[in-house]
Amino acid sequence: MPRATVSAYSHTIFVTSLFEMPYFVRELSPVRVLSIIQPEFQPDRPQGLDAAKHLRVAVHDISEQRPDQILVAHRDVEALVGFVEGWNPSEGAFLAHCYAGVSRSTAAALIAATMKTGDPHRSALHLRAAAPHAQPNRRIIALADEVLDLGGALISARESMGEATSVPEGPLTVLRIGS
């Protein structure tokens, strides 16, 4: 009976930009992909990835309502949380992307790491070490804190990350969450 292969990238969360996402999906073969980006830039499902393994959340990178932009809603974060719940880190990597790989996708990475480790503060410290440019979207974090019933711990963890380095587009972020 053949043994199941374990991905070299198990227990790993990757964060990237829209423009680098197709390359990293091909190179890293994540088992789940999250596209959290405004509707006009939503990509097609990556080739070879089952539709159930690609979540598309169509929101703009804002924390307060603005005309002609889509503010992330409670239902969006519930969908994100449900998608992360379905991810088994031992089966392979999770890849999140937004437009620049700085705000929405790093918020998703912090949420995923917190859900899988149970430790928002340690997850935030690891995210900051892996991504000095990370600026997790505050609204996404606040909604996830509520959905996950963390009593402000996720919000506090995000704030404890301090200021980010300023970059127009983040490089690939590699966040290991254990094994």
Protein backbone atom coordinates (compact mmCIF):
# COMPACT_ATOMS: atom_id res chain seq x y z
CA MET A 1 0.00 0.00 0.00
CA PRO A 2 1.61 3.33 -1.02
CA ARG A 3 2.32 5.86 1.70
CA ALA A 4 0.78 9.28 1.44
CA THR A 5 3.32 11.88 0.50
CA VAL A 6 3.74 14.86 2.76
CA SER A 7 4.26 18.17 1.03
CA ALA A 8 7.57 19.91 1.61
CA TYR A 9 5.43 22.93 2.43
CA SER A 10 3.11 21.36 4.98
CA HIS A 11 2.37 23.61 7.94
CA THR A 12 3.19 26.68 5.85
CA ILE A 13 1.23 29.79 4.99
CA PHE A 14 2.41 31.76 1.98
CA VAL A 15 1.40 35.34 1.23
CA THR A 16 1.98 37.01 -2.10
CA SER A 17 0.69 39.61 -4.51
CA LEU A 18 -1.80 39.17 -7.32
CA PHE A 19 0.92 39.38 -9.94
CA GLU A 20 3.15 36.72 -8.38
CA MET A 21 0.30 34.41 -7.33
CA PRO A 22 0.20 32.30 -10.55
CA TYR A 23 3.94 31.63 -10.37
CA PHE A 24 3.87 30.65 -6.70
CA VAL A 25 0.81 28.44 -7.15
CA ARG A 26 2.70 26.54 -9.87
CA GLU A 27 5.95 26.38 -7.89
CA LEU A 28 4.60 25.69 -4.39
CA SER A 29 1.45 23.66 -5.16
CA PRO A 30 -0.61 24.91 -2.20
CA VAL A 31 -3.61 22.80 -1.24
CA ARG A 32 -5.74 25.91 -0.59
CA VAL A 33 -5.68 29.35 -2.21
CA LEU A 34 -7.40 32.47 -0.93
CA SER A 35 -7.94 35.41 -3.29
CA ILE A 36 -8.96 38.35 -1.09
CA ILE A 37 -8.99 41.18 -3.57
CA GLN A 38 -11.35 43.67 -5.17
CA PRO A 39 -13.77 42.23 -7.75
CA GLU A 40 -12.12 43.83 -10.77
CA PHE A 41 -8.87 41.97 -10.02
CA GLN A 42 -10.27 38.60 -8.93
CA PRO A 43 -8.23 35.95 -10.77
CA ASP A 44 -9.53 32.78 -12.32
CA ARG A 45 -9.14 29.63 -10.29
CA PRO A 46 -5.58 28.35 -10.64
CA GLN A 47 -5.30 25.49 -13.12
CA GLY A 48 -5.43 22.09 -11.46
CA LEU A 49 -6.91 23.40 -8.21
CA ASP A 50 -10.33 22.06 -7.24
CA ALA A 51 -12.98 24.79 -7.00
CA ALA A 52 -13.60 23.95 -3.32
CA LYS A 53 -9.93 24.69 -2.60
CA HIS A 54 -10.05 28.28 -3.93
CA LEU A 55 -11.94 30.91 -1.96
CA ARG A 56 -12.57 34.24 -3.63
CA VAL A 57 -13.45 37.13 -1.31
CA ALA A 58 -14.22 40.25 -3.35
CA VAL A 59 -13.42 43.24 -1.11
CA HIS A 60 -11.36 46.41 -1.33
CA ASP A 61 -8.49 47.20 1.02
CA ILE A 62 -10.40 49.57 3.28
CA SER A 63 -11.30 49.58 6.96
CA GLU A 64 -14.18 52.06 6.76
CA GLN A 65 -16.97 52.40 4.20
CA ARG A 66 -16.10 54.45 1.12
CA PRO A 67 -18.22 55.25 -1.91
CA ASP A 68 -17.93 52.75 -4.76
CA GLN A 69 -15.81 50.33 -2.72
CA ILE A 70 -16.69 47.05 -1.03
CA LEU A 71 -16.01 46.90 2.70
CA VAL A 72 -15.31 43.45 4.11
CA ALA A 73 -18.42 42.16 5.88
CA HIS A 74 -19.05 39.69 8.68
CA ARG A 75 -20.17 37.04 6.15
CA ASP A 76 -16.88 37.43 4.24
CA VAL A 77 -14.85 36.72 7.36
CA GLU A 78 -17.13 33.83 8.30
CA ALA A 79 -16.41 32.35 4.85
CA LEU A 80 -12.67 32.89 5.36
CA VAL A 81 -12.80 31.22 8.78
CA GLY A 82 -14.75 28.28 7.36
CA PHE A 83 -12.22 27.93 4.54
CA VAL A 84 -9.30 27.91 7.00
CA GLU A 85 -11.12 25.38 9.20
CA GLY A 86 -11.16 23.04 6.19
CA TRP A 87 -7.40 23.32 5.74
CA ASN A 88 -5.32 20.50 7.18
CA PRO A 89 -1.79 21.95 7.46
CA SER A 90 -0.19 18.52 7.31
CA GLU A 91 -1.56 18.05 3.78
CA GLY A 92 0.20 21.06 2.29
CA ALA A 93 0.45 24.81 2.16
CA PHE A 94 -2.13 27.57 2.31
CA LEU A 95 -1.54 30.51 -0.02
CA ALA A 96 -3.26 33.87 0.42
CA HIS A 97 -2.94 36.80 -1.93
CA CYS A 98 -4.39 40.25 -2.32
CA TYR A 99 -3.27 42.98 -4.67
CA ALA A 100 0.09 43.75 -3.05
CA GLY A 101 0.52 41.00 -0.44
CA VAL A 102 0.60 43.55 2.39
CA SER A 103 -2.79 44.11 4.05
CA ARG A 104 -5.76 41.83 3.30
CA SER A 105 -3.66 38.72 2.68
CA THR A 106 -1.48 39.26 5.76
CA ALA A 107 -4.67 39.64 7.80
CA ALA A 108 -5.80 36.28 6.42
CA ALA A 109 -2.40 34.77 7.25
CA LEU A 110 -2.62 36.01 10.83
CA ILE A 111 -6.13 34.59 11.16
CA ALA A 112 -5.09 31.22 9.69
CA ALA A 113 -2.00 31.00 11.90
CA THR A 114 -4.04 31.89 14.98
CA MET A 115 -6.70 29.31 14.13
CA LYS A 116 -4.14 26.57 13.65
CA THR A 117 -1.89 27.41 16.62
CA GLY A 118 -4.45 28.79 19.07
CA ASP A 119 -2.04 31.61 19.93
CA PRO A 120 -2.76 35.03 18.39
CA HIS A 121 0.20 36.83 19.97
CA ARG A 122 2.78 34.25 18.98
CA SER A 123 1.24 34.11 15.49
CA ALA A 124 1.55 37.90 15.22
CA LEU A 125 5.19 37.80 16.33
CA HIS A 126 5.99 35.13 13.75
CA LEU A 127 4.15 37.06 11.04
CA ARG A 128 6.11 40.23 11.84
CA ALA A 129 9.39 38.30 11.72
CA ALA A 130 8.44 36.71 8.40
CA ALA A 131 6.98 39.90 6.91
CA PRO A 132 8.36 43.23 8.15
CA HIS A 133 6.10 44.83 5.51
CA ALA A 134 2.86 43.24 6.82
CA GLN A 135 0.04 45.63 7.67
CA PRO A 136 -2.91 43.32 8.42
CA ASN A 137 -6.21 45.02 7.59
CA ARG A 138 -7.69 46.13 10.91
CA ARG A 139 -11.33 45.56 9.94
CA ILE A 140 -10.67 41.99 8.79
CA ILE A 141 -8.83 41.33 12.05
CA ALA A 142 -11.61 42.88 14.18
CA LEU A 143 -14.29 40.85 12.42
CA ALA A 144 -12.26 37.64 12.77
CA ASP A 145 -11.74 38.36 16.47
CA GLU A 146 -15.53 38.51 16.79
CA VAL A 147 -16.22 35.44 14.62
CA LEU A 148 -13.63 33.40 16.53
CA ASP A 149 -14.82 34.76 19.89
CA LEU A 150 -11.31 35.78 20.93
CA GLY A 151 -12.36 38.66 23.19
CA GLY A 152 -9.98 41.17 21.63
CA ALA A 153 -6.90 38.91 21.67
CA LEU A 154 -6.51 38.94 17.88
CA ILE A 155 -6.91 42.72 17.76
CA SER A 156 -4.33 43.10 20.51
CA ALA A 157 -1.95 40.72 18.74
CA ARG A 158 -2.26 42.69 15.50
CA GLU A 159 -1.53 45.95 17.33
CA SER A 160 1.46 44.39 19.10
CA MET A 161 3.11 43.91 15.71
CA GLY A 162 3.95 47.62 15.61
CA GLU A 163 4.64 49.60 12.49
CA ALA A 164 5.50 47.91 9.24
CA THR A 165 8.22 48.79 6.82
CA SER A 166 6.80 50.66 3.89
CA VAL A 167 6.84 48.70 0.65
CA PRO A 168 4.55 49.08 -2.37
CA GLU A 169 4.37 45.31 -2.83
CA GLY A 170 5.39 42.63 -0.40
CA PRO A 171 7.84 39.89 -1.29
CA LEU A 172 6.73 36.29 -0.79
CA THR A 173 6.02 35.75 2.89
CA VAL A 174 6.69 32.30 4.29
CA LEU A 175 5.03 31.68 7.65
CA ARG A 176 5.71 28.30 9.24
CA ILE A 177 3.16 27.28 11.84
CA GLY A 178 4.75 24.15 13.24
CA SER A 179 4.76 20.55 12.18
